[in-house]
PDB file of N, CA and C in Angstrom:
ATOM      1  N   MET A   1      44.889  44.573 126.904  1.00  0.00           N
ATOM      2  CA  MET A   1      45.165  45.069 125.578  1.00  0.00           C
ATOM      3  C   MET A   1      44.253  44.338 124.587  1.00  0.00           C
ATOM      4  N   THR A   2      43.670  45.077 123.706  1.00  0.00           N
ATOM      5  CA  THR A   2      42.777  44.459 122.727  1.00  0.00           C
ATOM      6  C   THR A   2      43.582  43.867 121.579  1.00  0.00           C
ATOM      7  N   SER A   3      42.908  43.060 120.789  1.00  0.00           N
ATOM      8  CA  SER A   3      43.601  42.444 119.652  1.00  0.00           C
ATOM      9  C   SER A   3      44.046  43.495 118.634  1.00  0.00           C
ATOM     10  N   ILE A   4      43.287  44.555 118.498  1.00  0.00           N
ATOM     11  CA  ILE A   4      43.682  45.626 117.565  1.00  0.00           C
ATOM     12  C   ILE A   4      44.945  46.313 118.065  1.00  0.00           C
ATOM     13  N   GLU A   5      45.037  46.553 119.365  1.00  0.00           N
ATOM     14  CA  GLU A   5      46.231  47.179 119.934  1.00  0.00           C
ATOM     15  C   GLU A   5      47.439  46.264 119.797  1.00  0.00           C
ATOM     16  N   LEU A   6      47.240  44.971 120.051  1.00  0.00           N
ATOM     17  CA  LEU A   6      48.337  44.009 119.888  1.00  0.00           C
ATOM     18  C   LEU A   6      48.806  43.954 118.433  1.00  0.00           C
ATOM     19  N   ARG A   7      47.837  43.946 117.536  1.00  0.00           N
ATOM     20  CA  ARG A   7      48.171  43.919 116.103  1.00  0.00           C
ATOM     21  C   ARG A   7      48.981  45.159 115.728  1.00  0.00           C
ATOM     22  N   GLN A   8      48.550  46.321 116.193  1.00  0.00           N
ATOM     23  CA  GLN A   8      49.253  47.560 115.869  1.00  0.00           C
ATOM     24  C   GLN A   8      50.649  47.570 116.490  1.00  0.00           C
ATOM     25  N   LYS A   9      50.774  47.051 117.698  1.00  0.00           N
ATOM     26  CA  LYS A   9      52.077  46.976 118.351  1.00  0.00           C
ATOM     27  C   LYS A   9      53.015  46.073 117.552  1.00  0.00           C
ATOM     28  N   LEU A  10      52.496  44.943 117.091  1.00  0.00           N
ATOM     29  CA  LEU A  10      53.293  44.025 116.282  1.00  0.00           C
ATOM     30  C   LEU A  10      53.714  44.679 114.964  1.00  0.00           C
ATOM     31  N   ILE A  11      52.802  45.366 114.324  1.00  0.00           N
ATOM     32  CA  ILE A  11      53.124  46.072 113.071  1.00  0.00           C
ATOM     33  C   ILE A  11      54.212  47.107 113.312  1.00  0.00           C
ATOM     34  N   ASN A  12      54.106  47.844 114.393  1.00  0.00           N
ATOM     35  CA  ASN A  12      55.116  48.861 114.716  1.00  0.00           C
ATOM     36  C   ASN A  12      56.487  48.230 114.951  1.00  0.00           C
ATOM     37  N   GLN A  13      56.514  47.092 115.646  1.00  0.00           N
ATOM     38  CA  GLN A  13      57.785  46.405 115.891  1.00  0.00           C
ATOM     39  C   GLN A  13      58.398  45.901 114.587  1.00  0.00           C
ATOM     40  N   ILE A  14      57.567  45.359 113.717  1.00  0.00           N
ATOM     41  CA  ILE A  14      58.064  44.875 112.423  1.00  0.00           C
ATOM     42  C   ILE A  14      58.629  46.029 111.606  1.00  0.00           C
ATOM     43  N   GLU A  15      57.919  47.144 111.577  1.00  0.00           N
ATOM     44  CA  GLU A  15      58.400  48.315 110.838  1.00  0.00           C
ATOM     45  C   GLU A  15      59.724  48.814 111.409  1.00  0.00           C
ATOM     46  N   ARG A  16      59.833  48.844 112.734  1.00  0.00           N
ATOM     47  CA  ARG A  16      61.069  49.307 113.371  1.00  0.00           C
ATOM     48  C   ARG A  16      62.230  48.378 113.030  1.00  0.00           C
ATOM     49  N   LEU A  17      61.989  47.066 113.110  1.00  0.00           N
ATOM     50  CA  LEU A  17      63.043  46.101 112.793  1.00  0.00           C
ATOM     51  C   LEU A  17      63.439  46.183 111.323  1.00  0.00           C
ATOM     52  N   SER A  18      62.471  46.345 110.446  1.00  0.00           N
ATOM     53  CA  SER A  18      62.770  46.466 109.019  1.00  0.00           C
ATOM     54  C   SER A  18      63.618  47.701 108.762  1.00  0.00           C
ATOM     55  N   PHE A  19      63.282  48.805 109.410  1.00  0.00           N
ATOM     56  CA  PHE A  19      64.049  50.031 109.241  1.00  0.00           C
ATOM     57  C   PHE A  19      65.468  49.851 109.770  1.00  0.00           C
ATOM     58  N   GLU A  20      65.608  49.188 110.917  1.00  0.00           N
ATOM     59  CA  GLU A  20      66.937  48.947 111.478  1.00  0.00           C
ATOM     60  C   GLU A  20      67.765  48.058 110.551  1.00  0.00           C
ATOM     61  N   LYS A  21      67.139  47.050 109.952  1.00  0.00           N
ATOM     62  CA  LYS A  21      67.854  46.187 109.012  1.00  0.00           C
ATOM     63  C   LYS A  21      68.324  46.982 107.802  1.00  0.00           C
ATOM     64  N   LEU A  22      67.481  47.875 107.317  1.00  0.00           N
ATOM     65  CA  LEU A  22      67.872  48.710 106.180  1.00  0.00           C
ATOM     66  C   LEU A  22      69.059  49.601 106.534  1.00  0.00           C
ATOM     67  N   LEU A  23      69.062  50.139 107.743  1.00  0.00           N
ATOM     68  CA  LEU A  23      70.184  50.972 108.173  1.00  0.00           C
ATOM     69  C   LEU A  23      71.472  50.161 108.244  1.00  0.00           C
ATOM     70  N   VAL A  24      71.374  48.940 108.766  1.00  0.00           N
ATOM     71  CA  VAL A  24      72.551  48.072 108.854  1.00  0.00           C
ATOM     72  C   VAL A  24      73.061  47.741 107.459  1.00  0.00           C
ATOM     73  N   LEU A  25      72.155  47.412 106.547  1.00  0.00           N
ATOM     74  CA  LEU A  25      72.566  47.109 105.173  1.00  0.00           C
ATOM     75  C   LEU A  25      73.209  48.315 104.501  1.00  0.00           C
ATOM     76  N   GLU A  26      72.657  49.483 104.736  1.00  0.00           N
ATOM     77  CA  GLU A  26      73.220  50.700 104.155  1.00  0.00           C
ATOM     78  C   GLU A  26      74.639  50.938 104.671  1.00  0.00           C
ATOM     79  N   LYS A  27      74.849  50.760 105.960  1.00  0.00           N
ATOM     80  CA  LYS A  27      76.190  50.924 106.538  1.00  0.00           C
ATOM     81  C   LYS A  27      77.151  49.879 105.979  1.00  0.00           C
ATOM     82  N   LEU A  28      76.682  48.652 105.825  1.00  0.00           N
ATOM     83  CA  LEU A  28      77.514  47.589 105.270  1.00  0.00           C
ATOM     84  C   LEU A  28      77.922  47.909 103.836  1.00  0.00           C
ATOM     85  N   ILE A  29      76.987  48.365 103.041  1.00  0.00           N
ATOM     86  CA  ILE A  29      77.295  48.724 101.655  1.00  0.00           C
ATOM     87  C   ILE A  29      78.297  49.865 101.609  1.00  0.00           C
ATOM     88  N   GLU A  30      78.107  50.871 102.427  1.00  0.00           N
ATOM     89  CA  GLU A  30      79.051  51.991 102.470  1.00  0.00           C
ATOM     90  C   GLU A  30      80.441  51.510 102.872  1.00  0.00           C
ATOM     91  N   SER A  31      80.501  50.610 103.840  1.00  0.00           N
ATOM     92  CA  SER A  31      81.786  50.081 104.288  1.00  0.00           C
ATOM     93  C   SER A  31      82.468  49.296 103.176  1.00  0.00           C
ATOM     94  N   LEU A  32      81.710  48.448 102.478  1.00  0.00           N
ATOM     95  CA  LEU A  32      82.284  47.669 101.379  1.00  0.00           C
ATOM     96  C   LEU A  32      82.764  48.573 100.255  1.00  0.00           C
ATOM     97  N   GLU A  33      81.982  49.585  99.933  1.00  0.00           N
ATOM     98  CA  GLU A  33      82.375  50.502  98.865  1.00  0.00           C
ATOM     99  C   GLU A  33      83.664  51.235  99.206  1.00  0.00           C
ATOM    100  N   SER A  34      83.863  51.547 100.471  1.00  0.00           N
ATOM    101  CA  SER A  34      85.075  52.266 100.852  1.00  0.00           C
ATOM    102  C   SER A  34      86.302  51.360 100.859  1.00  0.00           C
ATOM    103  N   HIS A  35      86.101  50.048 101.023  1.00  0.00           N
ATOM    104  CA  HIS A  35      87.231  49.124 101.077  1.00  0.00           C
ATOM    105  C   HIS A  35      87.552  48.468  99.742  1.00  0.00           C
ATOM    106  N   LEU A  36      86.584  48.415  98.838  1.00  0.00           N
ATOM    107  CA  LEU A  36      86.810  47.762  97.553  1.00  0.00           C
ATOM    108  C   LEU A  36      87.188  48.795  96.498  1.00  0.00           C
ATOM    109  N   PRO A  37      88.074  48.419  95.580  1.00  0.00           N
ATOM    110  CA  PRO A  37      88.404  49.353  94.504  1.00  0.00           C
ATOM    111  C   PRO A  37      87.200  49.534  93.591  1.00  0.00           C
ATOM    112  N   GLU A  38      87.177  50.652  92.929  1.00  0.00           N
ATOM    113  CA  GLU A  38      86.074  50.913  92.011  1.00  0.00           C
ATOM    114  C   GLU A  38      86.247  50.035  90.787  1.00  0.00           C
ATOM    115  N   THR A  39      85.311  49.151  90.574  1.00  0.00           N
ATOM    116  CA  THR A  39      85.444  48.200  89.471  1.00  0.00           C
ATOM    117  C   THR A  39      84.606  48.571  88.266  1.00  0.00           C
ATOM    118  N   SER A  40      83.713  49.518  88.420  1.00  0.00           N
ATOM    119  CA  SER A  40      82.844  49.835  87.291  1.00  0.00           C
ATOM    120  C   SER A  40      83.641  50.359  86.107  1.00  0.00           C
ATOM    121  N   LYS A  41      84.714  51.118  86.359  1.00  0.00           N
ATOM    122  CA  LYS A  41      85.535  51.618  85.256  1.00  0.00           C
ATOM    123  C   LYS A  41      86.231  50.466  84.549  1.00  0.00           C
ATOM    124  N   ASN A  42      86.707  49.486  85.322  1.00  0.00           N
ATOM    125  CA  ASN A  42      87.371  48.330  84.723  1.00  0.00           C
ATOM    126  C   ASN A  42      86.403  47.522  83.869  1.00  0.00           C
ATOM    127  N   ILE A  43      85.194  47.359  84.350  1.00  0.00           N
ATOM    128  CA  ILE A  43      84.201  46.598  83.596  1.00  0.00           C
ATOM    129  C   ILE A  43      83.861  47.316  82.304  1.00  0.00           C
ATOM    130  N   ASP A  44      83.661  48.636  82.380  1.00  0.00           N
ATOM    131  CA  ASP A  44      83.345  49.399  81.180  1.00  0.00           C
ATOM    132  C   ASP A  44      84.473  49.314  80.169  1.00  0.00           C
ATOM    133  N   ALA A  45      85.718  49.384  80.642  1.00  0.00           N
ATOM    134  CA  ALA A  45      86.864  49.311  79.741  1.00  0.00           C
ATOM    135  C   ALA A  45      86.957  47.932  79.101  1.00  0.00           C
ATOM    136  N   ALA A  46      86.680  46.900  79.862  1.00  0.00           N
ATOM    137  CA  ALA A  46      86.755  45.543  79.322  1.00  0.00           C
ATOM    138  C   ALA A  46      85.688  45.317  78.264  1.00  0.00           C
ATOM    139  N   LEU A  47      84.516  45.876  78.476  1.00  0.00           N
ATOM    140  CA  LEU A  47      83.451  45.708  77.497  1.00  0.00           C
ATOM    141  C   LEU A  47      83.729  46.493  76.224  1.00  0.00           C
ATOM    142  N   ALA A  48      84.432  47.621  76.351  1.00  0.00           N
ATOM    143  CA  ALA A  48      84.709  48.454  75.184  1.00  0.00           C
ATOM    144  C   ALA A  48      85.836  47.899  74.329  1.00  0.00           C
ATOM    145  N   SER A  49      86.781  47.173  74.936  1.00  0.00           N
ATOM    146  CA  SER A  49      87.919  46.671  74.173  1.00  0.00           C
ATOM    147  C   SER A  49      87.569  45.351  73.503  1.00  0.00           C
ATOM    148  N   PRO A  50      87.980  45.194  72.253  1.00  0.00           N
ATOM    149  CA  PRO A  50      87.682  43.933  71.562  1.00  0.00           C
ATOM    150  C   PRO A  50      88.536  42.799  72.110  1.00  0.00           C
ATOM    151  N   ALA A  51      88.050  41.610  71.978  1.00  0.00           N
ATOM    152  CA  ALA A  51      88.813  40.442  72.424  1.00  0.00           C
ATOM    153  C   ALA A  51      90.020  40.278  71.520  1.00  0.00           C
ATOM    154  N   SER A  52      91.151  39.958  72.121  1.00  0.00           N
ATOM    155  CA  SER A  52      92.382  39.847  71.335  1.00  0.00           C
ATOM    156  C   SER A  52      92.398  38.582  70.494  1.00  0.00           C
ATOM    157  N   THR A  53      91.873  37.507  71.021  1.00  0.00           N
ATOM    158  CA  THR A  53      91.846  36.247  70.264  1.00  0.00           C
ATOM    159  C   THR A  53      90.531  35.544  70.509  1.00  0.00           C
ATOM    160  N   ASN A  54      90.181  34.717  69.594  1.00  0.00           N
ATOM    161  CA  ASN A  54      89.014  33.854  69.778  1.00  0.00           C
ATOM    162  C   ASN A  54      89.524  32.481  70.161  1.00  0.00           C
ATOM    163  N   THR A  55      89.035  31.957  71.249  1.00  0.00           N
ATOM    164  CA  THR A  55      89.436  30.626  71.694  1.00  0.00           C
ATOM    165  C   THR A  55      88.265  29.689  71.488  1.00  0.00           C
ATOM    166  N   TYR A  56      88.525  28.611  70.812  1.00  0.00           N
ATOM    167  CA  TYR A  56      87.494  27.619  70.570  1.00  0.00           C
ATOM    168  C   TYR A  56      87.761  26.416  71.457  1.00  0.00           C
ATOM    169  N   LEU A  57      86.695  25.731  71.824  1.00  0.00           N
ATOM    170  CA  LEU A  57      86.847  24.580  72.715  1.00  0.00           C
ATOM    171  C   LEU A  57      87.805  23.547  72.146  1.00  0.00           C
ATOM    172  N   GLU A  58      87.784  23.378  70.832  1.00  0.00           N
ATOM    173  CA  GLU A  58      88.647  22.382  70.210  1.00  0.00           C
ATOM    174  C   GLU A  58      90.125  22.751  70.318  1.00  0.00           C
ATOM    175  N   ASP A  59      90.414  24.042  70.468  1.00  0.00           N
ATOM    176  CA  ASP A  59      91.802  24.504  70.514  1.00  0.00           C
ATOM    177  C   ASP A  59      92.416  24.378  71.899  1.00  0.00           C
ATOM    178  N   ASP A  60      91.622  24.226  72.905  1.00  0.00           N
ATOM    179  CA  ASP A  60      92.124  24.115  74.271  1.00  0.00           C
ATOM    180  C   ASP A  60      91.792  22.715  74.778  1.00  0.00           C
ATOM    181  N   PRO A  61      92.792  21.831  74.858  1.00  0.00           N
ATOM    182  CA  PRO A  61      92.517  20.436  75.231  1.00  0.00           C
ATOM    183  C   PRO A  61      91.795  20.279  76.557  1.00  0.00           C
ATOM    184  N   ILE A  62      92.183  21.050  77.564  1.00  0.00           N
ATOM    185  CA  ILE A  62      91.572  20.887  78.887  1.00  0.00           C
ATOM    186  C   ILE A  62      90.106  21.309  78.847  1.00  0.00           C
ATOM    187  N   ILE A  63      89.842  22.499  78.334  1.00  0.00           N
ATOM    188  CA  ILE A  63      88.458  22.970  78.266  1.00  0.00           C
ATOM    189  C   ILE A  63      87.650  22.075  77.342  1.00  0.00           C
ATOM    190  N   GLY A  64      88.255  21.689  76.232  1.00  0.00           N
ATOM    191  CA  GLY A  64      87.554  20.830  75.282  1.00  0.00           C
ATOM    192  C   GLY A  64      87.153  19.509  75.895  1.00  0.00           C
ATOM    193  N   MET A  65      88.061  18.864  76.604  1.00  0.00           N
ATOM    194  CA  MET A  65      87.752  17.568  77.209  1.00  0.00           C
ATOM    195  C   MET A  65      86.705  17.707  78.307  1.00  0.00           C
ATOM    196  N   CYS A  66      86.780  18.795  79.075  1.00  0.00           N
ATOM    197  CA  CYS A  66      85.814  18.993  80.150  1.00  0.00           C
ATOM    198  C   CYS A  66      84.417  19.245  79.591  1.00  0.00           C
ATOM    199  N   SER A  67      84.345  19.828  78.413  1.00  0.00           N
ATOM    200  CA  SER A  67      83.039  20.137  77.844  1.00  0.00           C
ATOM    201  C   SER A  67      82.523  19.034  76.934  1.00  0.00           C
ATOM    202  N   GLY A  68      83.312  17.984  76.751  1.00  0.00           N
ATOM    203  CA  GLY A  68      82.877  16.885  75.915  1.00  0.00           C
ATOM    204  C   GLY A  68      83.245  17.045  74.457  1.00  0.00           C
ATOM    205  N   VAL A  69      83.992  18.100  74.129  1.00  0.00           N
ATOM    206  CA  VAL A  69      84.422  18.322  72.751  1.00  0.00           C
ATOM    207  C   VAL A  69      85.787  17.685  72.574  1.00  0.00           C
ATOM    208  N   ILE A  70      85.974  16.985  71.490  1.00  0.00           N
ATOM    209  CA  ILE A  70      87.271  16.358  71.234  1.00  0.00           C
ATOM    210  C   ILE A  70      88.243  17.438  70.768  1.00  0.00           C
ATOM    211  N   PRO A  71      89.339  17.615  71.482  1.00  0.00           N
ATOM    212  CA  PRO A  71      90.287  18.672  71.120  1.00  0.00           C
ATOM    213  C   PRO A  71      91.111  18.304  69.892  1.00  0.00           C
ATOM    214  N   ASN A  72      91.668  19.337  69.265  1.00  0.00           N
ATOM    215  CA  ASN A  72      92.589  19.133  68.148  1.00  0.00           C
ATOM    216  C   ASN A  72      93.960  18.818  68.724  1.00  0.00           C
ATOM    217  N   LEU A  73      94.302  17.577  68.773  1.00  0.00           N
ATOM    218  CA  LEU A  73      95.615  17.179  69.273  1.00  0.00           C
ATOM    219  C   LEU A  73      96.479  16.849  68.067  1.00  0.00           C
ATOM    220  N   ILE A  74      97.394  17.737  67.791  1.00  0.00           N
ATOM    221  CA  ILE A  74      98.266  17.547  66.636  1.00  0.00           C
ATOM    222  C   ILE A  74      99.491  16.777  67.094  1.00  0.00           C
ATOM    223  N   VAL A  75      99.695  15.622  66.508  1.00  0.00           N
ATOM    224  CA  VAL A  75     100.835  14.788  66.854  1.00  0.00           C
ATOM    225  C   VAL A  75     101.734  14.729  65.627  1.00  0.00           C
ATOM    226  N   THR A  76     102.968  15.157  65.808  1.00  0.00           N
ATOM    227  CA  THR A  76     103.926  15.090  64.700  1.00  0.00           C
ATOM    228  C   THR A  76     104.948  14.019  65.010  1.00  0.00           C
ATOM    229  N   THR A  77     105.271  13.237  64.000  1.00  0.00           N
ATOM    230  CA  THR A  77     106.259  12.174  64.213  1.00  0.00           C
ATOM    231  C   THR A  77     107.426  12.351  63.287  1.00  0.00           C
TER     232      THR A  77
END
């Protein structure tokens, strides 16, 4: 076998494997889509609805402390 024939054989094998991988990925995606609920409608609805409240780091002690912001700790005596 000449080097050109070997090269062509290798190219053909790579193309075949690439095509097989694409088929496997396509089947996997179809399987996932059939098992997962449709989330695109939920995402669109969430983006369309306004946020009910604004939360600031200072208002949430845990998030504030984790982010390095000093929280508003109101102490009444």
